[in-house]
Amino acid sequence: MTISLLVRFWREFLILLLAGLLCLSLVIHDRQSNKIDLIKLSHKQEATELRANYEAKARQIESENYEKTINAINEAKIREQVIVADNADARAAVNSLSDTIDKLASNAQTDAEYRIEYAATTGQLLKECSGSITELAKAADGHVNDIRLLQQSRR
């Protein structure tokens, strides 16, 4: 009897089977479409997070560089104040030494033995000053080289 019903209503069963398969394929397609949409959303979210992390890191690096620059400027100003103070002290010492030399030169005009001592002392002082100036020039050249190295490394 089932076979006779099947033969008799084969078209209806076929239509019913095809309709069921169509519904099944629509459900499968909808699930796949939802999965694709979910993958797209997760990808978009990951890209947004990466972009946000990149921008945060860039701002952090920029902030650190800004802070380092400010610290370097502050340290340079402190060193500049020390240099100005040392220069003022050195200038006062030079002026005092200049006054002393003028007094000694006036004394040397009257005493021959004193002139000999004065000439020897002046020669010794000239040697020491020349050595100090040479060392100062060497240090200055080293500083210029360091500055050029820093400038070239920042390019």
N, C-alpha and C. Protein backbone atom coordinates (compact mmCIF):
# COMPACT_ATOMS: atom_id res chain seq x y z
N MET A 1 0.81 -1.17 0.00
CA MET A 1 0.00 0.00 0.00
C MET A 1 0.87 1.26 0.00
N THR A 2 1.94 1.31 0.69
CA THR A 2 2.81 2.47 0.67
C THR A 2 3.44 2.65 -0.69
N ILE A 3 3.76 1.58 -1.30
CA ILE A 3 4.36 1.70 -2.61
C ILE A 3 3.32 2.19 -3.60
N SER A 4 2.11 1.71 -3.46
CA SER A 4 1.08 2.17 -4.37
C SER A 4 0.76 3.64 -4.13
N LEU A 5 0.81 4.08 -2.89
CA LEU A 5 0.61 5.51 -2.60
C LEU A 5 1.78 6.32 -3.14
N LEU A 6 2.95 5.79 -3.01
CA LEU A 6 4.13 6.48 -3.47
C LEU A 6 4.10 6.62 -4.99
N VAL A 7 3.70 5.59 -5.67
CA VAL A 7 3.61 5.64 -7.11
C VAL A 7 2.50 6.60 -7.53
N ARG A 8 1.44 6.54 -6.81
CA ARG A 8 0.29 7.35 -7.16
C ARG A 8 0.57 8.84 -6.89
N PHE A 9 1.23 9.17 -5.77
CA PHE A 9 1.49 10.57 -5.42
C PHE A 9 2.97 10.92 -5.56
N TRP A 10 3.62 10.34 -6.50
CA TRP A 10 5.06 10.55 -6.64
C TRP A 10 5.41 12.00 -6.92
N ARG A 11 4.59 12.69 -7.68
CA ARG A 11 4.84 14.10 -7.97
C ARG A 11 4.76 14.95 -6.70
N GLU A 12 3.76 14.70 -5.89
CA GLU A 12 3.59 15.46 -4.66
C GLU A 12 4.74 15.19 -3.70
N PHE A 13 5.14 13.90 -3.62
CA PHE A 13 6.27 13.57 -2.76
C PHE A 13 7.56 14.22 -3.27
N LEU A 14 7.72 14.22 -4.58
CA LEU A 14 8.90 14.84 -5.18
C LEU A 14 8.88 16.34 -4.92
N ILE A 15 7.73 16.97 -5.08
CA ILE A 15 7.60 18.41 -4.81
C ILE A 15 7.89 18.69 -3.33
N LEU A 16 7.33 17.83 -2.46
CA LEU A 16 7.55 17.98 -1.03
C LEU A 16 9.02 17.79 -0.68
N LEU A 17 9.68 16.78 -1.31
CA LEU A 17 11.10 16.54 -1.08
C LEU A 17 11.93 17.72 -1.57
N LEU A 18 11.62 18.19 -2.77
CA LEU A 18 12.35 19.34 -3.33
C LEU A 18 12.12 20.60 -2.50
N ALA A 19 10.90 20.80 -2.02
CA ALA A 19 10.62 21.96 -1.17
C ALA A 19 11.42 21.87 0.12
N GLY A 20 11.51 20.65 0.68
CA GLY A 20 12.31 20.46 1.91
C GLY A 20 13.78 20.73 1.66
N LEU A 21 14.29 20.24 0.52
CA LEU A 21 15.69 20.50 0.17
C LEU A 21 15.94 21.98 -0.07
N LEU A 22 14.98 22.64 -0.68
CA LEU A 22 15.09 24.08 -0.90
C LEU A 22 15.14 24.82 0.44
N CYS A 23 14.26 24.45 1.35
CA CYS A 23 14.26 25.08 2.69
C CYS A 23 15.58 24.81 3.41
N LEU A 24 16.08 23.56 3.30
CA LEU A 24 17.35 23.22 3.93
C LEU A 24 18.50 24.03 3.34
N SER A 25 18.52 24.19 2.02
CA SER A 25 19.59 24.96 1.38
C SER A 25 19.49 26.44 1.77
N LEU A 26 18.27 26.96 1.93
CA LEU A 26 18.11 28.35 2.36
C LEU A 26 18.62 28.55 3.79
N VAL A 27 18.36 27.58 4.65
CA VAL A 27 18.84 27.67 6.04
C VAL A 27 20.37 27.61 6.06
N ILE A 28 20.94 26.69 5.27
CA ILE A 28 22.41 26.56 5.22
C ILE A 28 23.02 27.83 4.66
N HIS A 29 22.44 28.36 3.60
CA HIS A 29 22.94 29.61 3.00
C HIS A 29 22.87 30.76 4.01
N ASP A 30 21.77 30.85 4.76
CA ASP A 30 21.62 31.91 5.75
C ASP A 30 22.68 31.80 6.84
N ARG A 31 22.96 30.56 7.28
CA ARG A 31 23.99 30.35 8.31
C ARG A 31 25.37 30.75 7.78
N GLN A 32 25.66 30.36 6.55
CA GLN A 32 26.95 30.72 5.95
C GLN A 32 27.07 32.23 5.80
N SER A 33 25.99 32.85 5.38
CA SER A 33 25.98 34.30 5.24
C SER A 33 26.23 34.97 6.59
N ASN A 34 25.63 34.44 7.64
CA ASN A 34 25.83 34.98 8.99
C ASN A 34 27.29 34.79 9.43
N LYS A 35 27.86 33.62 9.10
CA LYS A 35 29.26 33.37 9.45
C LYS A 35 30.19 34.36 8.73
N ILE A 36 29.91 34.59 7.45
CA ILE A 36 30.72 35.54 6.68
C ILE A 36 30.60 36.94 7.28
N ASP A 37 29.40 37.35 7.62
CA ASP A 37 29.19 38.66 8.24
C ASP A 37 29.93 38.76 9.56
N LEU A 38 29.92 37.69 10.34
CA LEU A 38 30.62 37.66 11.62
C LEU A 38 32.12 37.76 11.42
N ILE A 39 32.65 37.07 10.41
CA ILE A 39 34.08 37.14 10.11
C ILE A 39 34.45 38.55 9.68
N LYS A 40 33.62 39.17 8.85
CA LYS A 40 33.87 40.55 8.42
C LYS A 40 33.89 41.50 9.62
N LEU A 41 32.94 41.33 10.50
CA LEU A 41 32.88 42.20 11.68
C LEU A 41 34.10 42.01 12.59
N SER A 42 34.49 40.76 12.79
CA SER A 42 35.65 40.51 13.65
C SER A 42 36.92 41.07 13.01
N HIS A 43 37.03 40.95 11.69
CA HIS A 43 38.17 41.52 10.98
C HIS A 43 38.18 43.04 11.12
N LYS A 44 37.04 43.65 10.95
CA LYS A 44 36.93 45.11 11.07
C LYS A 44 37.30 45.55 12.50
N GLN A 45 36.85 44.77 13.49
CA GLN A 45 37.16 45.09 14.88
C GLN A 45 38.66 44.96 15.13
N GLU A 46 39.28 43.90 14.63
CA GLU A 46 40.71 43.72 14.80
C GLU A 46 41.49 44.85 14.14
N ALA A 47 41.07 45.24 12.94
CA ALA A 47 41.74 46.33 12.24
C ALA A 47 41.61 47.63 13.04
N THR A 48 40.44 47.87 13.60
CA THR A 48 40.23 49.08 14.40
C THR A 48 41.10 49.05 15.65
N GLU A 49 41.17 47.89 16.30
CA GLU A 49 42.00 47.76 17.50
C GLU A 49 43.47 47.97 17.16
N LEU A 50 43.92 47.40 16.05
CA LEU A 50 45.31 47.58 15.64
C LEU A 50 45.62 49.05 15.35
N ARG A 51 44.69 49.71 14.67
CA ARG A 51 44.87 51.13 14.37
C ARG A 51 44.92 51.95 15.65
N ALA A 52 44.03 51.62 16.61
CA ALA A 52 44.01 52.34 17.88
C ALA A 52 45.31 52.09 18.66
N ASN A 53 45.78 50.85 18.66
CA ASN A 53 47.05 50.54 19.34
C ASN A 53 48.21 51.27 18.69
N TYR A 54 48.20 51.32 17.35
CA TYR A 54 49.26 52.03 16.63
C TYR A 54 49.26 53.51 16.99
N GLU A 55 48.10 54.12 16.99
CA GLU A 55 48.01 55.54 17.32
C GLU A 55 48.40 55.81 18.77
N ALA A 56 48.01 54.92 19.68
CA ALA A 56 48.39 55.08 21.08
C ALA A 56 49.90 54.98 21.24
N LYS A 57 50.51 54.01 20.55
CA LYS A 57 51.96 53.85 20.63
C LYS A 57 52.67 55.06 20.01
N ALA A 58 52.14 55.56 18.90
CA ALA A 58 52.74 56.73 18.26
C ALA A 58 52.67 57.94 19.19
N ARG A 59 51.55 58.12 19.86
CA ARG A 59 51.40 59.24 20.80
C ARG A 59 52.33 59.07 22.00
N GLN A 60 52.51 57.83 22.44
CA GLN A 60 53.41 57.57 23.56
C GLN A 60 54.85 57.91 23.17
N ILE A 61 55.25 57.47 21.98
CA ILE A 61 56.61 57.77 21.51
C ILE A 61 56.79 59.27 21.35
N GLU A 62 55.79 59.93 20.79
CA GLU A 62 55.86 61.38 20.63
C GLU A 62 55.97 62.08 21.99
N SER A 63 55.21 61.61 22.95
CA SER A 63 55.24 62.19 24.29
C SER A 63 56.61 61.97 24.94
N GLU A 64 57.15 60.75 24.78
CA GLU A 64 58.48 60.47 25.35
C GLU A 64 59.54 61.34 24.71
N ASN A 65 59.47 61.50 23.39
CA ASN A 65 60.45 62.35 22.69
C ASN A 65 60.33 63.80 23.15
N TYR A 66 59.08 64.26 23.32
CA TYR A 66 58.85 65.63 23.78
C TYR A 66 59.43 65.81 25.18
N GLU A 67 59.20 64.83 26.05
CA GLU A 67 59.71 64.90 27.42
C GLU A 67 61.24 64.89 27.43
N LYS A 68 61.84 64.04 26.59
CA LYS A 68 63.30 64.00 26.51
C LYS A 68 63.85 65.34 26.02
N THR A 69 63.17 65.94 25.05
CA THR A 69 63.62 67.23 24.53
C THR A 69 63.54 68.30 25.61
N ILE A 70 62.44 68.32 26.34
CA ILE A 70 62.28 69.29 27.43
C ILE A 70 63.37 69.09 28.48
N ASN A 71 63.62 67.84 28.86
CA ASN A 71 64.67 67.55 29.85
C ASN A 71 66.03 67.99 29.34
N ALA A 72 66.31 67.72 28.06
CA ALA A 72 67.60 68.11 27.49
C ALA A 72 67.75 69.63 27.50
N ILE A 73 66.67 70.35 27.18
CA ILE A 73 66.72 71.81 27.18
C ILE A 73 66.95 72.33 28.60
N ASN A 74 66.25 71.76 29.57
CA ASN A 74 66.43 72.18 30.96
C ASN A 74 67.86 71.92 31.45
N GLU A 75 68.39 70.75 31.12
CA GLU A 75 69.76 70.44 31.51
C GLU A 75 70.75 71.38 30.83
N ALA A 76 70.49 71.70 29.56
CA ALA A 76 71.38 72.63 28.84
C ALA A 76 71.34 74.01 29.48
N LYS A 77 70.16 74.45 29.93
CA LYS A 77 70.06 75.76 30.58
C LYS A 77 70.83 75.77 31.90
N ILE A 78 70.75 74.66 32.63
CA ILE A 78 71.50 74.57 33.89
C ILE A 78 73.00 74.63 33.61
N ARG A 79 73.44 73.86 32.59
CA ARG A 79 74.86 73.89 32.23
C ARG A 79 75.27 75.28 31.77
N GLU A 80 74.39 75.96 31.04
CA GLU A 80 74.69 77.31 30.56
C GLU A 80 74.87 78.27 31.74
N GLN A 81 74.04 78.13 32.77
CA GLN A 81 74.18 78.99 33.94
C GLN A 81 75.51 78.74 34.65
N VAL A 82 75.91 77.46 34.72
CA VAL A 82 77.20 77.12 35.32
C VAL A 82 78.33 77.73 34.50
N ILE A 83 78.21 77.65 33.18
CA ILE A 83 79.24 78.20 32.30
C ILE A 83 79.33 79.71 32.48
N VAL A 84 78.19 80.38 32.56
CA VAL A 84 78.18 81.83 32.74
C VAL A 84 78.84 82.20 34.07
N ALA A 85 78.51 81.46 35.12
CA ALA A 85 79.11 81.73 36.44
C ALA A 85 80.62 81.48 36.40
N ASP A 86 81.03 80.36 35.79
CA ASP A 86 82.46 80.07 35.69
C ASP A 86 83.18 81.12 34.86
N ASN A 87 82.53 81.58 33.79
CA ASN A 87 83.12 82.60 32.93
C ASN A 87 83.29 83.91 33.71
N ALA A 88 82.29 84.26 34.51
CA ALA A 88 82.40 85.48 35.31
C ALA A 88 83.54 85.36 36.31
N ASP A 89 83.67 84.20 36.95
CA ASP A 89 84.78 83.98 37.88
C ASP A 89 86.13 84.06 37.16
N ALA A 90 86.19 83.45 35.98
CA ALA A 90 87.44 83.47 35.21
C ALA A 90 87.77 84.90 34.77
N ARG A 91 86.76 85.63 34.35
CA ARG A 91 86.98 87.02 33.93
C ARG A 91 87.49 87.85 35.11
N ALA A 92 86.94 87.64 36.31
CA ALA A 92 87.41 88.37 37.50
C ALA A 92 88.85 87.99 37.82
N ALA A 93 89.19 86.71 37.68
CA ALA A 93 90.56 86.27 37.93
C ALA A 93 91.52 86.89 36.92
N VAL A 94 91.11 86.97 35.65
CA VAL A 94 91.95 87.58 34.61
C VAL A 94 92.17 89.05 34.90
N ASN A 95 91.10 89.72 35.29
CA ASN A 95 91.24 91.16 35.61
C ASN A 95 92.18 91.37 36.80
N SER A 96 92.04 90.51 37.80
CA SER A 96 92.92 90.61 38.97
C SER A 96 94.37 90.32 38.57
N LEU A 97 94.56 89.29 37.75
CA LEU A 97 95.90 88.95 37.29
C LEU A 97 96.48 90.08 36.44
N SER A 98 95.64 90.68 35.61
CA SER A 98 96.08 91.79 34.77
C SER A 98 96.55 92.97 35.63
N ASP A 99 95.81 93.26 36.69
CA ASP A 99 96.21 94.34 37.60
C ASP A 99 97.54 94.01 38.27
N THR A 100 97.69 92.75 38.68
CA THR A 100 98.94 92.32 39.32
C THR A 100 100.10 92.44 38.35
N ILE A 101 99.88 92.04 37.11
CA ILE A 101 100.94 92.13 36.10
C ILE A 101 101.34 93.58 35.87
N ASP A 102 100.36 94.46 35.81
CA ASP A 102 100.67 95.89 35.64
C ASP A 102 101.51 96.41 36.80
N LYS A 103 101.19 96.00 38.03
CA LYS A 103 101.97 96.43 39.20
C LYS A 103 103.38 95.87 39.14
N LEU A 104 103.48 94.58 38.76
CA LEU A 104 104.81 93.97 38.66
C LEU A 104 105.64 94.62 37.56
N ALA A 105 105.00 94.97 36.46
CA ALA A 105 105.73 95.61 35.35
C ALA A 105 106.26 96.97 35.79
N SER A 106 105.49 97.69 36.58
CA SER A 106 105.97 99.00 37.04
C SER A 106 107.14 98.81 38.02
N ASN A 107 107.09 97.75 38.85
CA ASN A 107 108.21 97.47 39.75
C ASN A 107 109.45 97.02 38.97
N ALA A 108 109.25 96.32 37.86
CA ALA A 108 110.38 95.82 37.07
C ALA A 108 111.15 96.94 36.42
N GLN A 109 110.55 98.06 36.21
CA GLN A 109 111.24 99.18 35.56
C GLN A 109 112.35 99.75 36.46
N THR A 110 112.24 99.57 37.77
CA THR A 110 113.20 100.18 38.69
C THR A 110 114.29 99.23 39.16
N ASP A 111 114.07 97.91 39.11
CA ASP A 111 115.02 96.94 39.69
C ASP A 111 115.44 95.93 38.62
N ALA A 112 116.75 95.81 38.35
CA ALA A 112 117.27 94.93 37.30
C ALA A 112 117.07 93.46 37.66
N GLU A 113 117.35 93.08 38.90
CA GLU A 113 117.18 91.69 39.32
C GLU A 113 115.70 91.30 39.27
N TYR A 114 114.91 92.23 39.60
CA TYR A 114 113.46 91.98 39.56
C TYR A 114 112.99 91.75 38.12
N ARG A 115 113.63 92.48 37.15
CA ARG A 115 113.28 92.28 35.74
C ARG A 115 113.62 90.87 35.28
N ILE A 116 114.72 90.33 35.75
CA ILE A 116 115.11 88.98 35.37
C ILE A 116 114.08 87.98 35.89
N GLU A 117 113.71 88.12 37.15
CA GLU A 117 112.69 87.24 37.72
C GLU A 117 111.35 87.40 37.02
N TYR A 118 111.06 88.65 36.71
CA TYR A 118 109.79 88.94 36.03
C TYR A 118 109.75 88.28 34.65
N ALA A 119 110.84 88.36 33.91
CA ALA A 119 110.92 87.76 32.57
C ALA A 119 110.80 86.24 32.67
N ALA A 120 111.47 85.63 33.66
CA ALA A 120 111.41 84.17 33.81
C ALA A 120 109.99 83.73 34.18
N THR A 121 109.40 84.47 35.10
CA THR A 121 108.03 84.13 35.52
C THR A 121 107.05 84.31 34.37
N THR A 122 107.23 85.38 33.61
CA THR A 122 106.35 85.63 32.46
C THR A 122 106.49 84.53 31.42
N GLY A 123 107.72 84.08 31.19
CA GLY A 123 107.95 82.98 30.25
C GLY A 123 107.29 81.69 30.71
N GLN A 124 107.44 81.41 32.00
CA GLN A 124 106.82 80.19 32.55
C GLN A 124 105.29 80.28 32.44
N LEU A 125 104.76 81.45 32.76
CA LEU A 125 103.31 81.65 32.67
C LEU A 125 102.82 81.49 31.23
N LEU A 126 103.61 82.00 30.27
CA LEU A 126 103.25 81.87 28.86
C LEU A 126 103.24 80.40 28.44
N LYS A 127 104.18 79.60 28.92
CA LYS A 127 104.21 78.17 28.60
C LYS A 127 102.96 77.47 29.15
N GLU A 128 102.63 77.79 30.40
CA GLU A 128 101.48 77.14 31.01
C GLU A 128 100.18 77.55 30.31
N CYS A 129 100.07 78.84 29.98
CA CYS A 129 98.87 79.30 29.27
C CYS A 129 98.75 78.66 27.89
N SER A 130 99.87 78.54 27.19
CA SER A 130 99.85 77.92 25.86
C SER A 130 99.40 76.46 25.97
N GLY A 131 99.91 75.76 26.98
CA GLY A 131 99.49 74.37 27.19
C GLY A 131 98.01 74.28 27.51
N SER A 132 97.54 75.19 28.35
CA SER A 132 96.11 75.20 28.72
C SER A 132 95.24 75.52 27.51
N ILE A 133 95.68 76.45 26.69
CA ILE A 133 94.91 76.81 25.50
C ILE A 133 94.86 75.65 24.52
N THR A 134 95.98 74.92 24.39
CA THR A 134 96.00 73.75 23.52
C THR A 134 95.04 72.68 24.02
N GLU A 135 95.05 72.43 25.33
CA GLU A 135 94.12 71.45 25.90
C GLU A 135 92.67 71.90 25.74
N LEU A 136 92.42 73.18 25.91
CA LEU A 136 91.08 73.73 25.73
C LEU A 136 90.61 73.56 24.28
N ALA A 137 91.51 73.83 23.34
CA ALA A 137 91.16 73.66 21.92
C ALA A 137 90.87 72.20 21.60
N LYS A 138 91.65 71.30 22.19
CA LYS A 138 91.42 69.86 21.98
C LYS A 138 90.05 69.46 22.52
N ALA A 139 89.71 69.93 23.71
CA ALA A 139 88.40 69.61 24.31
C ALA A 139 87.27 70.20 23.46
N ALA A 140 87.46 71.43 22.98
CA ALA A 140 86.43 72.06 22.15
C ALA A 140 86.23 71.28 20.85
N ASP A 141 87.33 70.85 20.23
CA ASP A 141 87.20 70.05 19.01
C ASP A 141 86.47 68.74 19.27
N GLY A 142 86.74 68.13 20.43
CA GLY A 142 86.03 66.90 20.80
C GLY A 142 84.54 67.15 20.97
N HIS A 143 84.20 68.29 21.58
CA HIS A 143 82.79 68.63 21.76
C HIS A 143 82.10 68.88 20.43
N VAL A 144 82.80 69.57 19.53
CA VAL A 144 82.24 69.82 18.19
C VAL A 144 82.00 68.50 17.48
N ASN A 145 82.93 67.57 17.59
CA ASN A 145 82.77 66.26 16.97
C ASN A 145 81.57 65.52 17.56
N ASP A 146 81.41 65.59 18.88
CA ASP A 146 80.26 64.95 19.53
C ASP A 146 78.94 65.56 19.05
N ILE A 147 78.92 66.87 18.92
CA ILE A 147 77.70 67.56 18.46
C ILE A 147 77.37 67.14 17.04
N ARG A 148 78.38 67.06 16.19
CA ARG A 148 78.12 66.63 14.80
C ARG A 148 77.62 65.20 14.76
N LEU A 149 78.17 64.34 15.61
CA LEU A 149 77.70 62.95 15.70
C LEU A 149 76.23 62.91 16.09
N LEU A 150 75.86 63.68 17.10
CA LEU A 150 74.45 63.72 17.53
C LEU A 150 73.55 64.26 16.43
N GLN A 151 73.99 65.31 15.75
CA GLN A 151 73.19 65.88 14.66
C GLN A 151 73.01 64.87 13.53
N GLN A 152 74.06 64.18 13.17
CA GLN A 152 73.95 63.20 12.09
C GLN A 152 73.14 61.99 12.48
N SER A 153 73.18 61.62 13.76
CA SER A 153 72.41 60.45 14.18
C SER A 153 70.92 60.73 14.25
N ARG A 154 70.52 61.99 14.33
CA ARG A 154 69.10 62.36 14.40
C ARG A 154 68.48 62.52 13.02
N ARG A 155 69.28 62.44 11.98
CA ARG A 155 68.73 62.62 10.62
C ARG A 155 68.01 61.39 10.17
